Structure formats: C-alpha cells, structure tokens
Protein backbone atom coordinates (compact mmCIF):
# COMPACT_ATOMS: atom_id res chain seq x y z
CA MET A 1 -40.78 14.92 -31.42
CA ASP A 2 -42.10 12.72 -28.62
CA GLU A 3 -39.68 12.19 -25.76
CA ARG A 4 -38.49 8.59 -25.59
CA LYS A 5 -37.49 6.72 -22.44
CA THR A 6 -34.59 4.84 -23.99
CA ALA A 7 -32.41 4.99 -27.08
CA PRO A 8 -30.65 2.11 -28.84
CA VAL A 9 -26.86 2.46 -28.59
CA THR A 10 -24.67 -0.36 -29.88
CA GLN A 11 -21.10 -1.02 -30.92
CA ASP A 12 -20.49 0.14 -34.48
CA ALA A 13 -20.51 -2.28 -37.40
CA ASP A 14 -16.71 -2.22 -37.68
CA LEU A 15 -16.48 -3.36 -34.03
CA THR A 16 -14.15 -0.53 -33.15
CA GLY A 17 -12.76 -1.38 -29.74
CA GLY A 18 -12.43 -5.09 -30.54
CA THR A 19 -14.56 -8.19 -30.37
CA GLU A 20 -14.07 -8.40 -26.60
CA ALA A 21 -15.53 -4.97 -25.94
CA ILE A 22 -18.97 -4.86 -24.30
CA VAL A 23 -21.54 -2.07 -24.75
CA GLN A 24 -24.67 -2.09 -22.59
CA GLU A 25 -27.40 0.53 -22.83
CA SER A 26 -29.95 1.31 -20.15
CA GLY A 27 -32.12 4.32 -20.72
CA PHE A 28 -29.63 6.99 -21.71
CA THR A 29 -26.70 5.48 -19.84
CA VAL A 30 -24.11 3.58 -21.86
CA MET A 31 -21.95 1.15 -19.85
CA ILE A 32 -18.65 0.09 -21.40
CA SER A 33 -16.69 -2.94 -20.21
CA GLY A 34 -14.66 -5.91 -21.44
CA THR A 35 -11.34 -5.50 -23.25
CA ILE A 36 -10.84 -2.35 -25.34
CA ASP A 37 -8.39 -2.30 -28.23
CA TYR A 38 -5.72 0.34 -28.73
CA TYR A 39 -5.52 2.58 -31.83
CA SER A 40 -2.60 4.69 -33.04
CA VAL A 41 -2.84 8.12 -34.64
CA ASP A 42 -4.46 8.08 -38.11
CA THR A 43 -4.75 11.53 -39.62
CA ALA A 44 -6.49 10.13 -42.72
CA ILE A 45 -9.64 9.45 -40.70
CA GLY A 46 -9.16 12.31 -38.26
CA ARG A 47 -7.81 10.30 -35.33
CA MET A 48 -5.32 12.74 -33.86
CA GLU A 49 -4.82 11.15 -30.44
CA PRO A 50 -3.74 7.55 -29.77
CA GLY A 51 -5.40 5.44 -27.14
CA ASN A 52 -8.05 2.87 -26.37
CA ARG A 53 -11.32 3.61 -28.15
CA ILE A 54 -14.80 2.15 -28.49
CA GLY A 55 -17.05 2.71 -31.51
CA LEU A 56 -20.65 3.63 -30.62
CA LYS A 57 -23.63 3.88 -32.95
CA PHE A 58 -26.60 6.03 -31.89
CA GLU A 59 -29.95 5.29 -33.53
CA PRO A 60 -32.21 8.28 -34.30
CA ALA A 61 -35.44 8.78 -32.43
CA ALA A 62 -37.37 8.74 -35.75
CA GLU A 63 -36.63 8.59 -39.43
CA VAL A 64 -34.56 11.70 -40.08
CA THR A 65 -34.30 12.65 -43.75
CA THR A 66 -34.21 16.42 -43.72
CA PRO A 67 -30.61 17.73 -43.96
CA GLY A 68 -29.54 19.91 -41.07
CA GLN A 69 -32.07 18.40 -38.71
CA ALA A 70 -29.76 16.15 -36.61
CA TYR A 71 -27.01 17.56 -34.38
CA TYR A 72 -24.60 16.31 -31.74
CA PHE A 73 -22.39 17.86 -29.09
CA TYR A 74 -19.69 16.43 -26.79
CA GLY A 75 -19.87 17.68 -23.21
CA GLU A 76 -17.88 17.35 -20.00
CA SER A 77 -20.93 17.58 -17.71
CA ALA A 78 -24.68 17.07 -17.94
CA GLY A 79 -25.20 20.80 -17.49
CA ASP A 80 -23.34 21.85 -20.65
CA ASP A 81 -25.25 23.85 -23.27
CA PRO A 82 -25.34 21.74 -26.45
CA ASP A 83 -26.49 24.66 -28.59
CA ASP A 84 -23.00 26.13 -28.19
CA GLY A 85 -20.80 24.35 -30.73
CA ALA A 86 -23.19 21.61 -31.87
CA LYS A 87 -22.24 19.88 -35.12
CA PRO A 88 -24.51 18.21 -37.71
CA VAL A 89 -24.81 14.43 -37.64
CA PRO A 90 -23.24 12.96 -40.81
CA TYR A 91 -25.57 11.37 -43.36
CA ASP A 92 -24.92 7.68 -44.07
CA GLU A 93 -25.12 7.33 -47.87
CA GLU A 94 -25.07 3.54 -47.73
CA LEU A 95 -27.92 3.26 -45.25
CA GLN A 96 -29.67 6.34 -46.58
CA ARG A 97 -30.22 7.71 -43.11
CA TYR A 98 -28.66 9.84 -40.38
CA LEU A 99 -26.64 7.88 -37.83
CA LEU A 100 -24.33 9.23 -35.18
CA ARG A 101 -21.09 7.34 -34.72
CA SER A 102 -18.78 8.28 -31.87
CA TYR A 103 -15.37 6.93 -30.89
CA PRO A 104 -14.67 8.07 -27.33
CA LEU A 105 -11.36 7.44 -25.60
CA ILE A 106 -11.41 5.01 -22.69
CA ARG A 107 -8.85 6.13 -20.15
CA GLY A 108 -6.89 4.23 -17.53
CA ASP A 109 -8.89 5.81 -14.70
CA ALA A 110 -12.01 3.96 -15.92
CA ALA A 111 -13.54 7.02 -17.58
CA ALA A 112 -14.69 7.92 -21.06
CA SER A 113 -13.66 11.04 -22.92
CA PRO A 114 -16.03 12.66 -23.64
CA PRO A 115 -18.26 11.54 -20.73
CA PHE A 116 -21.46 13.08 -22.19
CA ILE A 117 -22.92 13.12 -25.70
CA PHE A 118 -25.90 15.35 -26.54
CA VAL A 119 -27.97 14.47 -29.63
CA SER A 120 -30.89 16.30 -31.26
CA TRP A 121 -32.92 14.71 -34.05
CA ASP A 122 -35.36 17.61 -34.53
CA GLY A 123 -33.24 20.63 -35.37
CA LYS A 124 -32.12 21.43 -31.79
CA GLU A 125 -35.66 21.56 -30.43
CA THR A 126 -35.04 18.79 -27.93
CA TRP A 127 -31.80 17.16 -26.81
CA GLU A 128 -31.09 13.64 -25.59
CA THR A 129 -28.25 13.36 -23.07
CA PHE A 130 -26.22 10.17 -23.14
CA LYS A 131 -23.89 9.45 -20.23
CA LEU A 132 -20.91 7.21 -20.94
CA MET A 133 -19.71 5.11 -18.01
CA VAL A 134 -16.83 2.65 -17.82
CA LYS A 135 -16.66 -0.31 -15.45
CA ARG A 136 -13.57 -0.39 -13.28
CA SER A 137 -13.00 -3.97 -14.42
CA VAL A 138 -12.36 -2.80 -17.98
CA ILE A 139 -9.12 -4.01 -19.57
CA LEU A 140 -7.21 -1.60 -21.79
CA ARG A 141 -5.12 -3.42 -24.35
CA PRO A 142 -1.68 -1.76 -24.68
CA GLY A 143 -0.43 -0.53 -28.03
CA PRO A 144 3.00 -0.11 -29.65
CA ASP A 145 3.11 3.61 -28.93
CA ALA A 146 1.45 3.39 -25.54
CA VAL A 147 3.34 4.96 -22.69
CA PRO A 148 4.19 2.17 -20.23
CA PRO A 149 3.13 2.84 -16.66
CA GLU A 150 5.83 3.94 -14.30
CA PRO A 151 7.06 1.04 -12.20
CA GLU A 152 6.07 1.18 -8.58
CA PRO A 153 8.99 2.03 -6.32
CA GLU A 154 10.38 -0.93 -4.48
CA PRO A 155 9.79 -0.82 -0.75
CA GLU A 156 12.81 0.28 1.17
CA LYS A 157 14.65 -2.59 2.74
CA PRO A 158 15.21 -2.25 6.49
CA VAL A 159 18.68 -1.06 7.35
CA LYS A 160 20.69 -3.52 9.43
CA THR A 161 24.11 -2.59 10.76
CA TYR A 162 26.58 -4.54 12.84
CA SER A 163 29.25 -2.71 14.82
CA TYR A 164 31.27 -3.20 17.97
CA ASN A 165 33.72 -0.88 19.73
CA PRO A 166 35.47 -2.42 22.79
CA ALA A 167 36.31 1.05 24.09
CA ASN A 168 32.63 1.66 24.87
CA ILE A 169 31.85 -1.44 26.94
CA THR A 170 31.66 0.59 30.17
CA VAL A 171 28.89 2.80 28.80
CA ASP A 172 25.30 1.54 28.60
CA GLY A 173 24.64 0.96 24.92
CA VAL A 174 25.00 -1.49 22.04
CA ASP A 175 28.72 -2.12 22.59
CA LYS A 176 28.27 -2.96 26.28
CA MET A 177 25.36 -5.29 25.51
CA ARG A 178 27.27 -7.08 22.76
CA PHE A 179 30.21 -7.53 25.14
CA GLN A 180 28.10 -8.94 27.95
CA LEU A 181 26.19 -11.32 25.65
CA GLY A 182 29.20 -12.35 23.59
CA ASP A 183 27.60 -11.18 20.35
CA THR A 184 30.73 -9.38 19.13
CA ALA A 185 31.61 -11.17 15.86
CA VAL A 186 30.33 -8.28 13.74
CA ASP A 187 32.59 -8.85 10.72
CA GLY A 188 30.25 -11.53 9.38
CA GLY A 189 27.12 -9.42 9.82
CA ALA A 190 23.92 -11.46 10.10
CA ASP A 191 25.84 -14.70 9.55
CA THR A 192 27.82 -14.35 12.78
CA CYS A 193 25.71 -12.00 14.91
CA VAL A 194 22.42 -12.84 16.55
CA MET A 195 20.96 -9.32 16.44
CA CYS A 196 21.75 -6.10 14.59
CA ASP A 197 22.53 -2.71 16.13
CA GLU A 198 19.03 -1.39 15.39
CA GLU A 199 17.40 -4.22 17.33
CA TYR A 200 19.68 -3.67 20.32
CA ARG A 201 18.99 0.08 20.32
CA ALA A 202 15.22 -0.47 20.16
CA LEU A 203 15.27 -2.80 23.17
CA ILE A 204 17.64 -0.55 25.13
CA SER A 205 15.41 2.49 24.61
CA ALA A 206 12.29 0.55 25.65
CA SER A 207 13.62 -0.59 29.04
CA SER A 208 14.12 1.42 32.20
CA THR A 209 17.00 -0.54 33.76
CA TRP A 210 20.02 -2.33 32.34
CA LYS A 211 18.94 -5.70 33.78
CA GLN A 212 15.55 -5.36 32.15
CA THR A 213 17.22 -4.46 28.88
CA LYS A 214 19.52 -7.46 29.10
CA THR A 215 16.58 -9.73 29.85
CA ALA A 216 14.63 -8.37 26.86
CA CYS A 217 17.63 -8.91 24.57
CA LEU A 218 18.14 -12.47 25.77
CA GLU A 219 14.45 -13.27 25.37
CA ALA A 220 14.54 -11.99 21.78
CA ILE A 221 17.69 -13.99 21.04
CA CYS A 222 16.27 -17.20 22.52
CA SER A 223 13.08 -16.80 20.50
CA ARG A 224 15.14 -16.43 17.34
CA LEU A 225 17.44 -19.37 18.02
CA ALA A 226 14.71 -21.74 19.23
CA TYR A 227 14.09 -22.91 15.65
CA GLU A 228 17.71 -23.87 14.94
CA VAL A 229 18.47 -27.58 14.94
CA ASN A 230 21.65 -29.60 14.71
CA TYR A 231 22.71 -30.61 11.22
CA SER A 232 24.97 -33.38 10.05
CA ALA A 233 25.86 -34.60 6.54
CA ASP A 234 28.84 -36.43 5.03
CA GLY A 235 30.87 -36.13 8.19
CA LEU A 236 30.18 -32.41 8.57
CA SER A 237 28.04 -31.42 11.53
CA PHE A 238 26.76 -28.19 13.02
CA SER A 239 25.62 -28.05 16.65
CA LEU A 240 23.36 -25.06 16.24
CA SER A 241 21.36 -25.89 19.36
CA GLU A 242 24.42 -25.12 21.51
CA ARG A 243 23.98 -21.42 20.81
CA TYR A 244 20.42 -21.57 22.09
CA SER A 245 21.49 -23.46 25.23
CA ARG A 246 24.15 -20.87 26.03
CA PHE A 247 21.84 -17.88 25.68
CA LYS A 248 19.01 -19.69 27.49
CA ALA A 249 21.31 -20.26 30.49
CA MET A 250 22.21 -16.56 30.48
CA LEU A 251 18.52 -15.66 30.33
CA ASP A 252 17.65 -17.87 33.30
CA SER A 253 20.49 -16.41 35.33
CA THR A 254 19.49 -12.85 34.49
CA LYS A 255 15.86 -13.47 35.41
CA LYS A 256 16.93 -14.82 38.80
CA GLY A 257 18.81 -11.60 39.40
CA LEU A 258 15.65 -9.64 38.73
CA GLN A 259 13.77 -11.66 41.33
CA THR A 260 16.32 -10.97 44.13
CA PRO A 261 15.14 -8.05 46.34
CA LEU A 262 17.62 -5.24 46.76
CA VAL A 263 18.28 -3.66 50.18
CA ASN A 264 18.79 0.07 50.41
CA LEU A 265 21.53 0.27 53.02
CA ALA A 266 21.11 4.01 53.29
CA ALA A 267 17.62 3.43 54.69
CA LEU A 268 19.03 1.52 57.69
CA GLY A 269 20.28 3.26 60.77
CA LYS A 270 19.09 5.83 63.25
CA GLY A 271 19.46 9.55 63.40
CA ARG A 272 19.17 10.25 59.68
CA LYS A 273 18.58 13.79 58.47
CA ASP A 274 15.04 12.83 57.55
CA GLY A 275 14.21 12.14 61.20
CA GLY A 276 15.13 8.48 61.27
CA HIS A 277 13.39 5.37 60.05
CA TYR A 278 10.99 3.05 61.77
CA PHE A 279 13.37 0.12 61.30
CA TYR A 280 17.07 0.58 62.06
CA ALA A 281 20.09 -1.45 63.17
CA GLY A 282 20.00 -2.27 66.94
CA MET A 283 16.38 -1.23 67.35
CA LEU A 284 15.71 -4.30 69.60
CA ASN A 285 18.62 -3.64 71.93
CA ASN A 286 17.73 -2.82 75.58
CA PRO A 287 20.02 -0.07 76.89
CA ASN A 288 19.24 -1.09 80.49
CA ALA A 289 20.17 -4.73 80.00
CA ALA A 290 23.68 -5.92 80.65
CA GLY A 291 25.68 -6.30 77.49
CA SER A 292 23.51 -4.00 75.49
CA GLU A 293 25.17 -1.40 73.38
C-alpha cells in the first residue's frame, strides 16, 4: 500500500462529544478542542469508565474488503510496537466497509487517553501513527457522576493582635510604645487602636534606636490617619481629624529631638585614661595669667 501524507479523521456520525466539539486533522495529528460532553458508564456498549469523550472516525487508506486485513492498536508513545496486542478493525455492515471508530477520554490536564492510535489497512504490513492532541482551551462539560474539583484553600488571613500590659512600659517593646503614643485602648481591637502588635514589633525590630522606632511608628500612624475626615449627620459628629493632628504633633516633636546633637560629656576633660582629648574644659586658660585656674 502506498504511503499517504494525510488521513481523513472526523467526528463520528453520532457526534459523540457533542455538537460543540471540534476535530481538526493535519497530516496524522488530530487536534481536539471546543466543549466536550460527559458520558457515564454504559456496560451495554462497553463503556466501563465515565468521563469526557470524543468520537473519532478514521477513514481507510484504500477500499478494504478482505476480512482480517485492517488492525488498530492504542499506544502511550509513538515508539510502541503495534504488532503486540493489535485488534481487528470492526466491519461496518451498513456502509459495507471497514471503518475505525475510537472514543478516547479527554482529561482535565488537556490530554487524550490514549494519546496515540496505530492503524494498519494492509494486514500489519505498514502502520499509520495518529497523535491525538488537546488544546488547553478545551472545555470539559461536567456530568452527574463527575468528581467535583477540590476547592482551593482560602489564603490565610493575616493575624492581628492587640495587647497592652502596663507593667512592661519601662522595657523597650510594644507595651512601652503603646504607652508613649497613647494607643492603649486594646479592648476594641482595630476599632480603637491605630496599629496592631505585629506592626509595632516589625517597626521596633527594624530600627536601631528607640527614637528612630518611635519616629517610624508615628510616620506609619500619620499615613494611616491622613485619609480620615470629620463626619457629621443628624446632630451626630465625629472629629476624626483630631486624631491625626495629635499624632502629627508628636511626630514633629520627635523629629526635632532626632535633629538635636548629643554631647558626650565623658569625652570632655583632661587626663583621661586614653591619653586625653584634643578639646577639653579649660583648654584656653593661661596658667601664667592672673586669675587663671
């Protein structure tokens, strides 16, 4: 039999897979797309596994009339040996010809099972290898006995805690910062506190000094409260901007403290153990002048 470059493969006459299924053939590659119907188990026709299926009809390479001349084999790879386990192609009494009909499963991972179909129309002398491919855009219609996909786990919500212990206000930490900023109404949680414990801890661990930490906390608080506006309705009013003004004043005061240079008093004086410093108290005094110390 002469080798052919292409082979006609179409959806079967019963349109197994549904009217929205699409079968495209190019050479010996069969591309399946569209929407594929779902079929339950039907032992009467030999369907032992439920799932989404497409019906394919393979035309013979030539008029095949001799019984036992046409064979087919389902393979998992192109390198499988079709001679091992090949089955005869059924004879279509109505059409009076041999036609191969296949109903592969279309899986959720955009793959066909089986992925390869080997067909011989000349008594296993030559084999045609058909590769079944499924577009990732394929839609698999669910069925009554289909196993629903497991729901995706919900993302974990960030943990926010609000605590305050007055006994710890002398120790650098969340309690001391809450005390100094006046953010101690922890009973109401986010409704009464400006920041949670986790936010305070993150800022405390990221700063090297307490003043820097306090400044970072106040900057975060002012950024959060900057969007709050005063509200008034039916005689009820909320002056939400007052909270921002209070924290903004604390922020300005704290920043001024950071700008003030600090004097190391231990560095002043003469006769230190390190040999003395270049600048020291009384360095301009003249010991020979009257009144000098």
